[in-house]
Amino acid sequence: MSDQQILNLEERFQQRIDAEIKVEPKDWMPEKYRKTLIRQISQHAHSEIVGMLPEGNWISRAPSLRRKVALLAKVQDEAGHGLYLYSAAETLGAERDQLTRDLLDGKAKYSSIFNYPTLSWADIGAIGWLVDGAAIMNQVMLTRNSYGPYARAMVKICKEESFHQRQGYEIMLTLAKGTEEQKAMAQDALNRWWWPSLMMFGPSDAESTHSAQSMKWKIKRKSNDELRQQFVDVTIPQADFLGLSVPDKDLKWNEESGHYDFGPIDWDEFWRVVKGNGPCNRDRIKARRKAYDEGKWVREAAMAHAEKKKERKAKLAKSA
């Protein structure tokens, strides 16, 4: 195919994007579009799976049976989200096993937020309220992204994430309305999770290498900084209702802009964690590698069963 033919295809592809027509797996697409989606969807899937680890650690230590069951259901939801997303990546020609190996080999990333430890039960509330709240801000936009399988997967994921966010906020509300010790626990969790939650939206627009093209292709609908500002504007009144203080001395309402002004993010910390030097990076990958290695026999058994089933079906077809 000549360069001019490819250029014509790319122009028609962009026209389709601009017309809000979903791209489906068998449609022609630029190779860069396909690779961008694989990178983003796989990173999203890895984040869902790795994100099970800090919360799964608290299932057996939750303060009541009700809390245990709710947290167990949430962690199970996250596993399902990962499966939806890996399936969406497979429609683009990616192999799930290769995506997992890329994660374990350090070639693929996941959200930096999951490299922080959960030190108390209040952290589970803060994760639900702040981390899932930040995720919803981003993921609601993804239900309108240009790639059909990804957009459709996000509809179900967002419904479940909304439940997770309410669950976390209810935990924080219970603690904030409890004893002084419980309220202090909630405040401590907010202090530790606030800034990492703001970092979840990714680098500033000026430093983001993928945002402009992703927005042109409508893989993204809003920039990192737009989503971050939206999260702050929504979350501050929630913190006020809880009676908790956001750990930002520069935070104030700006009458002129109609938004909250907030202090500078420590981008050195962000990049340090992204590059593998956060508090729990090594522990998270070690846990995933252990699960992958110990699950080898399950994968092999499933493949053997599928092969036998295929052989039986072929024999029945011949004898018919």
C-alpha atoms as a PDB file:
ATOM      1  CA  MET A   1       0.000   0.000   0.000  1.00  0.00           C
ATOM      2  CA  SER A   2       1.418   3.366  -1.035  1.00  0.00           C
ATOM      3  CA  ASP A   3       1.953   6.291   1.311  1.00  0.00           C
ATOM      4  CA  GLN A   4      -0.831   8.189  -0.467  1.00  0.00           C
ATOM      5  CA  GLN A   5      -3.281   5.299  -0.011  1.00  0.00           C
ATOM      6  CA  ILE A   6      -2.444   5.139   3.708  1.00  0.00           C
ATOM      7  CA  LEU A   7      -2.899   8.909   3.976  1.00  0.00           C
ATOM      8  CA  ASN A   8      -6.322   8.645   2.323  1.00  0.00           C
ATOM      9  CA  LEU A   9      -7.332   5.878   4.721  1.00  0.00           C
ATOM     10  CA  GLU A  10      -6.179   7.937   7.690  1.00  0.00           C
ATOM     11  CA  GLU A  11      -8.186  10.936   6.505  1.00  0.00           C
ATOM     12  CA  ARG A  12     -11.337   8.831   6.129  1.00  0.00           C
ATOM     13  CA  PHE A  13     -10.661   7.269   9.523  1.00  0.00           C
ATOM     14  CA  GLN A  14     -10.436  10.700  11.183  1.00  0.00           C
ATOM     15  CA  GLN A  15     -13.628  11.775   9.423  1.00  0.00           C
ATOM     16  CA  ARG A  16     -15.349   8.748  10.919  1.00  0.00           C
ATOM     17  CA  ILE A  17     -14.015   9.632  14.376  1.00  0.00           C
ATOM     18  CA  ASP A  18     -15.197  13.226  13.988  1.00  0.00           C
ATOM     19  CA  ALA A  19     -18.645  11.946  12.994  1.00  0.00           C
ATOM     20  CA  GLU A  20     -18.840   9.995  16.300  1.00  0.00           C
ATOM     21  CA  ILE A  21     -18.980   6.605  14.551  1.00  0.00           C
ATOM     22  CA  LYS A  22     -17.512   3.852  16.732  1.00  0.00           C
ATOM     23  CA  VAL A  23     -14.497   1.936  15.495  1.00  0.00           C
ATOM     24  CA  GLU A  24     -15.013  -1.837  15.647  1.00  0.00           C
ATOM     25  CA  PRO A  25     -12.377  -4.612  15.683  1.00  0.00           C
ATOM     26  CA  LYS A  26     -12.633  -5.509  11.976  1.00  0.00           C
ATOM     27  CA  ASP A  27     -12.563  -1.898  10.787  1.00  0.00           C
ATOM     28  CA  TRP A  28      -9.413  -0.439   9.289  1.00  0.00           C
ATOM     29  CA  MET A  29      -7.474   1.679  11.774  1.00  0.00           C
ATOM     30  CA  PRO A  30      -4.050   3.336  11.846  1.00  0.00           C
ATOM     31  CA  GLU A  31      -1.413   1.180  13.470  1.00  0.00           C
ATOM     32  CA  LYS A  32      -0.639   3.970  15.945  1.00  0.00           C
ATOM     33  CA  TYR A  33      -4.307   4.059  16.967  1.00  0.00           C
ATOM     34  CA  ARG A  34      -4.263   0.302  17.587  1.00  0.00           C
ATOM     35  CA  LYS A  35      -1.031   0.458  19.586  1.00  0.00           C
ATOM     36  CA  THR A  36      -2.242   3.445  21.615  1.00  0.00           C
ATOM     37  CA  LEU A  37      -5.388   1.555  22.549  1.00  0.00           C
ATOM     38  CA  ILE A  38      -3.481  -1.601  23.474  1.00  0.00           C
ATOM     39  CA  ARG A  39      -1.163   0.429  25.690  1.00  0.00           C
ATOM     40  CA  GLN A  40      -4.016   2.275  27.414  1.00  0.00           C
ATOM     41  CA  ILE A  41      -6.403  -0.687  27.765  1.00  0.00           C
ATOM     42  CA  SER A  42      -3.696  -3.039  29.019  1.00  0.00           C
ATOM     43  CA  GLN A  43      -2.482  -0.450  31.538  1.00  0.00           C
ATOM     44  CA  HIS A  44      -6.079  -0.067  32.701  1.00  0.00           C
ATOM     45  CA  ALA A  45      -6.468  -3.862  32.979  1.00  0.00           C
ATOM     46  CA  HIS A  46      -3.203  -4.225  34.900  1.00  0.00           C
ATOM     47  CA  SER A  47      -4.356  -1.476  37.286  1.00  0.00           C
ATOM     48  CA  GLU A  48      -7.588  -3.326  38.039  1.00  0.00           C
ATOM     49  CA  ILE A  49      -5.729  -6.555  38.806  1.00  0.00           C
ATOM     50  CA  VAL A  50      -2.883  -5.017  40.818  1.00  0.00           C
ATOM     51  CA  GLY A  51      -5.479  -2.846  42.572  1.00  0.00           C
ATOM     52  CA  MET A  52      -6.921  -5.969  44.180  1.00  0.00           C
ATOM     53  CA  LEU A  53      -3.770  -6.379  46.283  1.00  0.00           C
ATOM     54  CA  PRO A  54      -3.921  -3.421  48.733  1.00  0.00           C
ATOM     55  CA  GLU A  55      -7.611  -4.097  49.460  1.00  0.00           C
ATOM     56  CA  GLY A  56      -7.486  -7.893  49.425  1.00  0.00           C
ATOM     57  CA  ASN A  57      -5.036  -7.609  52.299  1.00  0.00           C
ATOM     58  CA  TRP A  58      -7.896  -6.290  54.480  1.00  0.00           C
ATOM     59  CA  ILE A  59     -10.667  -8.802  53.702  1.00  0.00           C
ATOM     60  CA  SER A  60      -9.864 -11.029  56.676  1.00  0.00           C
ATOM     61  CA  ARG A  61      -9.264  -8.002  58.950  1.00  0.00           C
ATOM     62  CA  ALA A  62     -12.405  -5.993  58.142  1.00  0.00           C
ATOM     63  CA  PRO A  63     -14.229  -4.999  61.364  1.00  0.00           C
ATOM     64  CA  SER A  64     -17.473  -6.911  60.741  1.00  0.00           C
ATOM     65  CA  LEU A  65     -18.962  -9.672  58.602  1.00  0.00           C
ATOM     66  CA  ARG A  66     -20.876  -7.055  56.601  1.00  0.00           C
ATOM     67  CA  ARG A  67     -17.661  -5.197  55.848  1.00  0.00           C
ATOM     68  CA  LYS A  68     -15.871  -8.430  54.910  1.00  0.00           C
ATOM     69  CA  VAL A  69     -18.580  -9.447  52.461  1.00  0.00           C
ATOM     70  CA  ALA A  70     -18.762  -5.976  50.887  1.00  0.00           C
ATOM     71  CA  LEU A  71     -14.987  -5.769  50.477  1.00  0.00           C
ATOM     72  CA  LEU A  72     -14.824  -9.295  49.077  1.00  0.00           C
ATOM     73  CA  ALA A  73     -17.483  -8.354  46.504  1.00  0.00           C
ATOM     74  CA  LYS A  74     -15.541  -5.244  45.559  1.00  0.00           C
ATOM     75  CA  VAL A  75     -12.268  -7.116  45.051  1.00  0.00           C
ATOM     76  CA  GLN A  76     -14.152  -9.673  42.950  1.00  0.00           C
ATOM     77  CA  ASP A  77     -15.539  -6.814  40.836  1.00  0.00           C
ATOM     78  CA  GLU A  78     -12.008  -5.537  40.204  1.00  0.00           C
ATOM     79  CA  ALA A  79     -10.968  -8.964  38.912  1.00  0.00           C
ATOM     80  CA  GLY A  80     -13.933  -8.893  36.554  1.00  0.00           C
ATOM     81  CA  HIS A  81     -12.980  -5.434  35.323  1.00  0.00           C
ATOM     82  CA  GLY A  82      -9.514  -6.702  34.477  1.00  0.00           C
ATOM     83  CA  LEU A  83     -11.008  -9.586  32.480  1.00  0.00           C
ATOM     84  CA  TYR A  84     -13.329  -7.263  30.518  1.00  0.00           C
ATOM     85  CA  LEU A  85     -10.399  -5.038  29.652  1.00  0.00           C
ATOM     86  CA  TYR A  86      -8.002  -7.825  28.671  1.00  0.00           C
ATOM     87  CA  SER A  87     -10.766  -9.128  26.403  1.00  0.00           C
ATOM     88  CA  ALA A  88     -11.114  -5.670  24.834  1.00  0.00           C
ATOM     89  CA  ALA A  89      -7.347  -5.589  24.212  1.00  0.00           C
ATOM     90  CA  GLU A  90      -7.539  -9.009  22.569  1.00  0.00           C
ATOM     91  CA  THR A  91      -9.950  -7.629  19.949  1.00  0.00           C
ATOM     92  CA  LEU A  92      -7.038  -5.457  18.814  1.00  0.00           C
ATOM     93  CA  GLY A  93      -4.789  -8.475  18.279  1.00  0.00           C
ATOM     94  CA  ALA A  94      -3.020  -8.413  21.647  1.00  0.00           C
ATOM     95  CA  GLU A  95      -2.369 -11.692  23.464  1.00  0.00           C
ATOM     96  CA  ARG A  96      -3.398 -11.733  27.097  1.00  0.00           C
ATOM     97  CA  ASP A  97      -0.460 -13.857  28.194  1.00  0.00           C
ATOM     98  CA  GLN A  98       1.976 -11.474  26.496  1.00  0.00           C
ATOM     99  CA  LEU A  99       0.325  -8.482  28.163  1.00  0.00           C
ATOM    100  CA  THR A 100       0.803 -10.175  31.542  1.00  0.00           C
ATOM    101  CA  ARG A 101       4.433 -10.997  30.818  1.00  0.00           C
ATOM    102  CA  ASP A 102       5.046  -7.379  29.809  1.00  0.00           C
ATOM    103  CA  LEU A 103       3.703  -6.310  33.211  1.00  0.00           C
ATOM    104  CA  LEU A 104       5.855  -8.801  35.110  1.00  0.00           C
ATOM    105  CA  ASP A 105       8.945  -7.848  33.077  1.00  0.00           C
ATOM    106  CA  GLY A 106       8.448  -4.153  33.820  1.00  0.00           C
ATOM    107  CA  LYS A 107       7.630  -3.239  30.200  1.00  0.00           C
ATOM    108  CA  ALA A 108       4.017  -2.269  30.982  1.00  0.00           C
ATOM    109  CA  LYS A 109       2.724   0.146  33.593  1.00  0.00           C
ATOM    110  CA  TYR A 110      -0.240   0.279  35.943  1.00  0.00           C
ATOM    111  CA  SER A 111      -1.656   3.132  38.008  1.00  0.00           C
ATOM    112  CA  SER A 112       0.930   4.493  40.438  1.00  0.00           C
ATOM    113  CA  ILE A 113      -1.741   4.781  43.177  1.00  0.00           C
ATOM    114  CA  PHE A 114      -1.540   1.047  43.895  1.00  0.00           C
ATOM    115  CA  ASN A 115       2.075   1.308  45.001  1.00  0.00           C
ATOM    116  CA  TYR A 116       1.068   2.858  48.311  1.00  0.00           C
ATOM    117  CA  PRO A 117       0.388   0.719  51.412  1.00  0.00           C
ATOM    118  CA  THR A 118      -2.940   0.294  53.211  1.00  0.00           C
ATOM    119  CA  LEU A 119      -1.959   0.900  56.836  1.00  0.00           C
ATOM    120  CA  SER A 120      -5.390   0.961  58.492  1.00  0.00           C
ATOM    121  CA  TRP A 121      -9.029   0.073  57.876  1.00  0.00           C
ATOM    122  CA  ALA A 122      -9.659   3.752  57.074  1.00  0.00           C
ATOM    123  CA  ASP A 123      -7.404   3.355  54.045  1.00  0.00           C
ATOM    124  CA  ILE A 124     -10.031   1.052  52.520  1.00  0.00           C
ATOM    125  CA  GLY A 125     -12.563   3.850  52.917  1.00  0.00           C
ATOM    126  CA  ALA A 126     -10.163   6.407  51.454  1.00  0.00           C
ATOM    127  CA  ILE A 127      -9.423   4.174  48.466  1.00  0.00           C
ATOM    128  CA  GLY A 128     -13.120   3.724  47.749  1.00  0.00           C
ATOM    129  CA  TRP A 129     -13.916   7.394  48.171  1.00  0.00           C
ATOM    130  CA  LEU A 130     -10.842   9.001  46.575  1.00  0.00           C
ATOM    131  CA  VAL A 131      -9.214   6.417  44.310  1.00  0.00           C
ATOM    132  CA  ASP A 132     -12.431   5.000  42.880  1.00  0.00           C
ATOM    133  CA  GLY A 133     -13.853   8.527  42.795  1.00  0.00           C
ATOM    134  CA  ALA A 134     -10.904   9.659  40.667  1.00  0.00           C
ATOM    135  CA  ALA A 135     -11.266   6.560  38.495  1.00  0.00           C
ATOM    136  CA  ILE A 136     -14.927   7.359  37.842  1.00  0.00           C
ATOM    137  CA  MET A 137     -14.040  10.876  36.659  1.00  0.00           C
ATOM    138  CA  ASN A 138     -11.788   9.356  34.019  1.00  0.00           C
ATOM    139  CA  GLN A 139     -13.840   6.281  33.199  1.00  0.00           C
ATOM    140  CA  VAL A 140     -17.173   7.991  32.604  1.00  0.00           C
ATOM    141  CA  MET A 141     -15.422   9.803  29.752  1.00  0.00           C
ATOM    142  CA  LEU A 142     -14.172   6.446  28.468  1.00  0.00           C
ATOM    143  CA  THR A 143     -17.733   5.196  27.953  1.00  0.00           C
ATOM    144  CA  ARG A 144     -17.758   7.660  25.045  1.00  0.00           C
ATOM    145  CA  ASN A 145     -14.344   6.760  23.628  1.00  0.00           C
ATOM    146  CA  SER A 146     -14.109   5.976  19.922  1.00  0.00           C
ATOM    147  CA  TYR A 147     -13.314   2.244  20.168  1.00  0.00           C
ATOM    148  CA  GLY A 148     -16.534   0.241  20.530  1.00  0.00           C
ATOM    149  CA  PRO A 149     -15.412  -2.751  22.666  1.00  0.00           C
ATOM    150  CA  TYR A 150     -13.595  -0.481  25.134  1.00  0.00           C
ATOM    151  CA  ALA A 151     -16.506   1.966  25.399  1.00  0.00           C
ATOM    152  CA  ARG A 152     -19.041  -0.824  25.989  1.00  0.00           C
ATOM    153  CA  ALA A 153     -16.879  -2.501  28.625  1.00  0.00           C
ATOM    154  CA  MET A 154     -16.620   0.806  30.463  1.00  0.00           C
ATOM    155  CA  VAL A 155     -20.403   1.150  30.834  1.00  0.00           C
ATOM    156  CA  LYS A 156     -20.591  -1.856  33.160  1.00  0.00           C
ATOM    157  CA  ILE A 157     -17.312  -1.005  34.892  1.00  0.00           C
ATOM    158  CA  CYS A 158     -18.499   2.523  35.704  1.00  0.00           C
ATOM    159  CA  LYS A 159     -21.709   1.243  37.284  1.00  0.00           C
ATOM    160  CA  GLU A 160     -19.706  -0.982  39.620  1.00  0.00           C
ATOM    161  CA  GLU A 161     -17.087   1.682  40.350  1.00  0.00           C
ATOM    162  CA  SER A 162     -19.890   4.026  41.387  1.00  0.00           C
ATOM    163  CA  PHE A 163     -20.950   1.461  43.978  1.00  0.00           C
ATOM    164  CA  HIS A 164     -17.343   1.154  45.157  1.00  0.00           C
ATOM    165  CA  GLN A 165     -17.055   4.907  45.595  1.00  0.00           C
ATOM    166  CA  ARG A 166     -20.230   5.064  47.683  1.00  0.00           C
ATOM    167  CA  GLN A 167     -19.037   2.111  49.756  1.00  0.00           C
ATOM    168  CA  GLY A 168     -15.754   3.877  50.527  1.00  0.00           C
ATOM    169  CA  TYR A 169     -17.452   7.156  51.385  1.00  0.00           C
ATOM    170  CA  GLU A 170     -19.824   5.330  53.752  1.00  0.00           C
ATOM    171  CA  ILE A 171     -16.816   3.828  55.554  1.00  0.00           C
ATOM    172  CA  MET A 172     -15.252   7.279  55.906  1.00  0.00           C
ATOM    173  CA  LEU A 173     -18.545   8.762  57.117  1.00  0.00           C
ATOM    174  CA  THR A 174     -18.916   6.052  59.770  1.00  0.00           C
ATOM    175  CA  LEU A 175     -15.389   6.710  61.031  1.00  0.00           C
ATOM    176  CA  ALA A 176     -15.765  10.503  60.892  1.00  0.00           C
ATOM    177  CA  LYS A 177     -18.954  10.298  62.980  1.00  0.00           C
ATOM    178  CA  GLY A 178     -17.403   7.828  65.430  1.00  0.00           C
ATOM    179  CA  THR A 179     -14.962   8.254  68.279  1.00  0.00           C
ATOM    180  CA  GLU A 180     -12.134  10.777  68.254  1.00  0.00           C
ATOM    181  CA  GLU A 181      -9.735   7.930  67.539  1.00  0.00           C
ATOM    182  CA  GLN A 182     -11.812   6.769  64.566  1.00  0.00           C
ATOM    183  CA  LYS A 183     -12.075  10.291  63.162  1.00  0.00           C
ATOM    184  CA  ALA A 184      -8.304  10.685  63.529  1.00  0.00           C
ATOM    185  CA  MET A 185      -7.863   7.431  61.619  1.00  0.00           C
ATOM    186  CA  ALA A 186     -10.047   8.776  58.800  1.00  0.00           C
ATOM    187  CA  GLN A 187      -8.104  12.065  58.732  1.00  0.00           C
ATOM    188  CA  ASP A 188      -4.795  10.227  58.607  1.00  0.00           C
ATOM    189  CA  ALA A 189      -5.992   8.151  55.648  1.00  0.00           C
ATOM    190  CA  LEU A 190      -7.140  11.298  53.809  1.00  0.00           C
ATOM    191  CA  ASN A 191      -3.771  12.933  54.491  1.00  0.00           C
ATOM    192  CA  ARG A 192      -1.906  10.016  52.919  1.00  0.00           C
ATOM    193  CA  TRP A 193      -4.192   9.334  49.933  1.00  0.00           C
ATOM    194  CA  TRP A 194      -5.103  12.850  48.803  1.00  0.00           C
ATOM    195  CA  TRP A 195      -2.053  13.728  46.756  1.00  0.00           C
ATOM    196  CA  PRO A 196      -1.574  10.241  45.203  1.00  0.00           C
ATOM    197  CA  SER A 197      -5.240  10.449  44.150  1.00  0.00           C
ATOM    198  CA  LEU A 198      -4.570  13.717  42.307  1.00  0.00           C
ATOM    199  CA  MET A 199      -1.574  12.066  40.643  1.00  0.00           C
ATOM    200  CA  MET A 200      -3.863   9.302  39.323  1.00  0.00           C
ATOM    201  CA  PHE A 201      -4.941  11.521  36.438  1.00  0.00           C
ATOM    202  CA  GLY A 202      -1.423  11.394  35.059  1.00  0.00           C
ATOM    203  CA  PRO A 203       1.142  14.105  34.330  1.00  0.00           C
ATOM    204  CA  SER A 204       0.154  17.688  33.643  1.00  0.00           C
ATOM    205  CA  ASP A 205      -1.077  18.401  30.135  1.00  0.00           C
ATOM    206  CA  ALA A 206       2.217  20.093  29.305  1.00  0.00           C
ATOM    207  CA  GLU A 207       4.116  16.904  30.209  1.00  0.00           C
ATOM    208  CA  SER A 208       1.704  14.341  28.746  1.00  0.00           C
ATOM    209  CA  THR A 209       3.119  12.798  25.571  1.00  0.00           C
ATOM    210  CA  HIS A 210      -0.040  10.967  24.474  1.00  0.00           C
ATOM    211  CA  SER A 211      -2.950  13.229  25.409  1.00  0.00           C
ATOM    212  CA  ALA A 212      -3.151  15.437  22.296  1.00  0.00           C
ATOM    213  CA  GLN A 213      -3.322  12.559  19.816  1.00  0.00           C
ATOM    214  CA  SER A 214      -5.610  10.498  22.060  1.00  0.00           C
ATOM    215  CA  MET A 215      -8.032  13.411  22.255  1.00  0.00           C
ATOM    216  CA  LYS A 216      -7.922  13.890  18.479  1.00  0.00           C
ATOM    217  CA  TRP A 217      -8.842  10.226  18.064  1.00  0.00           C
ATOM    218  CA  LYS A 218     -11.428  10.612  20.871  1.00  0.00           C
ATOM    219  CA  ILE A 219      -9.869   7.823  22.885  1.00  0.00           C
ATOM    220  CA  LYS A 220      -9.839  10.504  25.586  1.00  0.00           C
ATOM    221  CA  ARG A 221     -12.489  13.207  25.895  1.00  0.00           C
ATOM    222  CA  LYS A 222     -10.942  15.438  28.550  1.00  0.00           C
ATOM    223  CA  SER A 223      -7.351  16.250  29.388  1.00  0.00           C
ATOM    224  CA  ASN A 224      -5.572  15.142  32.555  1.00  0.00           C
ATOM    225  CA  ASP A 225      -5.726  18.607  34.100  1.00  0.00           C
ATOM    226  CA  GLU A 226      -9.417  19.071  33.264  1.00  0.00           C
ATOM    227  CA  LEU A 227     -10.302  15.790  34.960  1.00  0.00           C
ATOM    228  CA  ARG A 228      -8.098  16.580  37.959  1.00  0.00           C
ATOM    229  CA  GLN A 229      -9.830  19.942  38.450  1.00  0.00           C
ATOM    230  CA  GLN A 230     -13.242  18.288  38.167  1.00  0.00           C
ATOM    231  CA  PHE A 231     -12.250  15.755  40.833  1.00  0.00           C
ATOM    232  CA  VAL A 232     -11.104  18.481  43.230  1.00  0.00           C
ATOM    233  CA  ASP A 233     -14.276  20.516  42.715  1.00  0.00           C
ATOM    234  CA  VAL A 234     -16.503  17.516  43.464  1.00  0.00           C
ATOM    235  CA  THR A 235     -14.475  16.062  46.349  1.00  0.00           C
ATOM    236  CA  ILE A 236     -13.846  19.127  48.526  1.00  0.00           C
ATOM    237  CA  PRO A 237     -17.535  19.571  49.499  1.00  0.00           C
ATOM    238  CA  GLN A 238     -17.626  15.858  50.366  1.00  0.00           C
ATOM    239  CA  ALA A 239     -14.640  16.289  52.679  1.00  0.00           C
ATOM    240  CA  ASP A 240     -16.349  19.298  54.282  1.00  0.00           C
ATOM    241  CA  PHE A 241     -19.443  17.208  54.965  1.00  0.00           C
ATOM    242  CA  LEU A 242     -17.274  14.568  56.633  1.00  0.00           C
ATOM    243  CA  GLY A 243     -15.677  17.241  58.799  1.00  0.00           C
ATOM    244  CA  LEU A 244     -12.213  16.311  57.500  1.00  0.00           C
ATOM    245  CA  SER A 245      -9.482  18.642  56.255  1.00  0.00           C
ATOM    246  CA  VAL A 246      -7.797  18.203  52.883  1.00  0.00           C
ATOM    247  CA  PRO A 247      -4.007  18.406  53.412  1.00  0.00           C
ATOM    248  CA  ASP A 248      -3.414  21.401  51.142  1.00  0.00           C
ATOM    249  CA  LYS A 249      -2.603  24.802  52.662  1.00  0.00           C
ATOM    250  CA  ASP A 250      -3.101  26.476  49.257  1.00  0.00           C
ATOM    251  CA  LEU A 251      -6.621  25.144  48.736  1.00  0.00           C
ATOM    252  CA  LYS A 252      -9.250  27.876  48.334  1.00  0.00           C
ATOM    253  CA  TRP A 253     -12.385  28.640  46.374  1.00  0.00           C
ATOM    254  CA  ASN A 254     -11.834  30.950  43.410  1.00  0.00           C
ATOM    255  CA  GLU A 255     -14.942  33.064  42.795  1.00  0.00           C
ATOM    256  CA  GLU A 256     -13.649  34.310  39.468  1.00  0.00           C
ATOM    257  CA  SER A 257     -12.974  30.890  37.919  1.00  0.00           C
ATOM    258  CA  GLY A 258     -15.735  29.034  39.721  1.00  0.00           C
ATOM    259  CA  HIS A 259     -13.267  26.310  40.729  1.00  0.00           C
ATOM    260  CA  TYR A 260     -11.063  25.420  43.684  1.00  0.00           C
ATOM    261  CA  ASP A 261      -7.441  26.494  43.452  1.00  0.00           C
ATOM    262  CA  PHE A 262      -5.084  23.870  44.858  1.00  0.00           C
ATOM    263  CA  GLY A 263      -1.399  23.588  45.611  1.00  0.00           C
ATOM    264  CA  PRO A 264       1.401  22.165  43.451  1.00  0.00           C
ATOM    265  CA  ILE A 265       1.666  18.396  43.029  1.00  0.00           C
ATOM    266  CA  ASP A 266       4.979  16.738  43.861  1.00  0.00           C
ATOM    267  CA  TRP A 267       5.753  15.477  40.364  1.00  0.00           C
ATOM    268  CA  ASP A 268       9.141  14.176  41.498  1.00  0.00           C
ATOM    269  CA  GLU A 269       7.298  11.714  43.714  1.00  0.00           C
ATOM    270  CA  PHE A 270       4.919  10.829  40.881  1.00  0.00           C
ATOM    271  CA  TRP A 271       7.717   9.949  38.469  1.00  0.00           C
ATOM    272  CA  ARG A 272       9.657   8.157  41.183  1.00  0.00           C
ATOM    273  CA  VAL A 273       6.712   5.839  41.815  1.00  0.00           C
ATOM    274  CA  VAL A 274       5.933   5.402  38.107  1.00  0.00           C
ATOM    275  CA  LYS A 275       9.541   4.352  37.492  1.00  0.00           C
ATOM    276  CA  GLY A 276       9.317   1.622  40.114  1.00  0.00           C
ATOM    277  CA  ASN A 277      10.579   3.262  43.283  1.00  0.00           C
ATOM    278  CA  GLY A 278       7.370   3.686  45.263  1.00  0.00           C
ATOM    279  CA  PRO A 279       6.736   2.183  48.701  1.00  0.00           C
ATOM    280  CA  CYS A 280       5.210  -1.048  47.329  1.00  0.00           C
ATOM    281  CA  ASN A 281       6.291  -1.396  43.676  1.00  0.00           C
ATOM    282  CA  ARG A 282       8.464  -4.432  44.275  1.00  0.00           C
ATOM    283  CA  ASP A 283       5.901  -6.088  46.551  1.00  0.00           C
ATOM    284  CA  ARG A 284       3.117  -5.655  43.994  1.00  0.00           C
ATOM    285  CA  ILE A 285       5.084  -7.182  41.122  1.00  0.00           C
ATOM    286  CA  LYS A 286       6.389  -9.950  43.365  1.00  0.00           C
ATOM    287  CA  ALA A 287       2.816 -10.858  44.328  1.00  0.00           C
ATOM    288  CA  ARG A 288       1.667 -10.835  40.687  1.00  0.00           C
ATOM    289  CA  ARG A 289       4.646 -12.925  39.585  1.00  0.00           C
ATOM    290  CA  LYS A 290       3.962 -15.459  42.355  1.00  0.00           C
ATOM    291  CA  ALA A 291       0.308 -15.717  41.310  1.00  0.00           C
ATOM    292  CA  TYR A 292       1.302 -16.118  37.649  1.00  0.00           C
ATOM    293  CA  ASP A 293       3.836 -18.858  38.371  1.00  0.00           C
ATOM    294  CA  GLU A 294       1.593 -20.759  40.768  1.00  0.00           C
ATOM    295  CA  GLY A 295      -1.314 -20.534  38.342  1.00  0.00           C
ATOM    296  CA  LYS A 296       0.610 -22.167  35.506  1.00  0.00           C
ATOM    297  CA  TRP A 297      -0.938 -25.590  36.111  1.00  0.00           C
ATOM    298  CA  VAL A 298      -4.438 -24.079  35.965  1.00  0.00           C
ATOM    299  CA  ARG A 299      -3.737 -22.481  32.586  1.00  0.00           C
ATOM    300  CA  GLU A 300      -2.238 -25.705  31.263  1.00  0.00           C
ATOM    301  CA  ALA A 301      -5.193 -27.757  32.531  1.00  0.00           C
ATOM    302  CA  ALA A 302      -7.659 -25.333  30.932  1.00  0.00           C
ATOM    303  CA  MET A 303      -5.839 -25.506  27.612  1.00  0.00           C
ATOM    304  CA  ALA A 304      -5.709 -29.321  27.740  1.00  0.00           C
ATOM    305  CA  HIS A 305      -9.443 -29.448  28.496  1.00  0.00           C
ATOM    306  CA  ALA A 306     -10.193 -27.076  25.611  1.00  0.00           C
ATOM    307  CA  GLU A 307      -8.080 -29.192  23.247  1.00  0.00           C
ATOM    308  CA  LYS A 308      -9.857 -32.414  24.271  1.00  0.00           C
ATOM    309  CA  LYS A 309     -13.229 -30.717  23.856  1.00  0.00           C
ATOM    310  CA  LYS A 310     -12.191 -29.579  20.381  1.00  0.00           C
ATOM    311  CA  GLU A 311     -11.075 -33.112  19.457  1.00  0.00           C
ATOM    312  CA  ARG A 312     -14.356 -34.644  20.665  1.00  0.00           C
ATOM    313  CA  LYS A 313     -16.335 -32.115  18.660  1.00  0.00           C
ATOM    314  CA  ALA A 314     -14.302 -32.926  15.536  1.00  0.00           C
ATOM    315  CA  LYS A 315     -14.876 -36.684  16.002  1.00  0.00           C
ATOM    316  CA  LEU A 316     -18.618 -36.163  16.411  1.00  0.00           C
ATOM    317  CA  ALA A 317     -18.685 -34.044  13.247  1.00  0.00           C
ATOM    318  CA  LYS A 318     -16.920 -36.795  11.261  1.00  0.00           C
ATOM    319  CA  SER A 319     -19.239 -39.536  12.512  1.00  0.00           C
ATOM    320  CA  ALA A 320     -22.400 -37.515  11.797  1.00  0.00           C
END
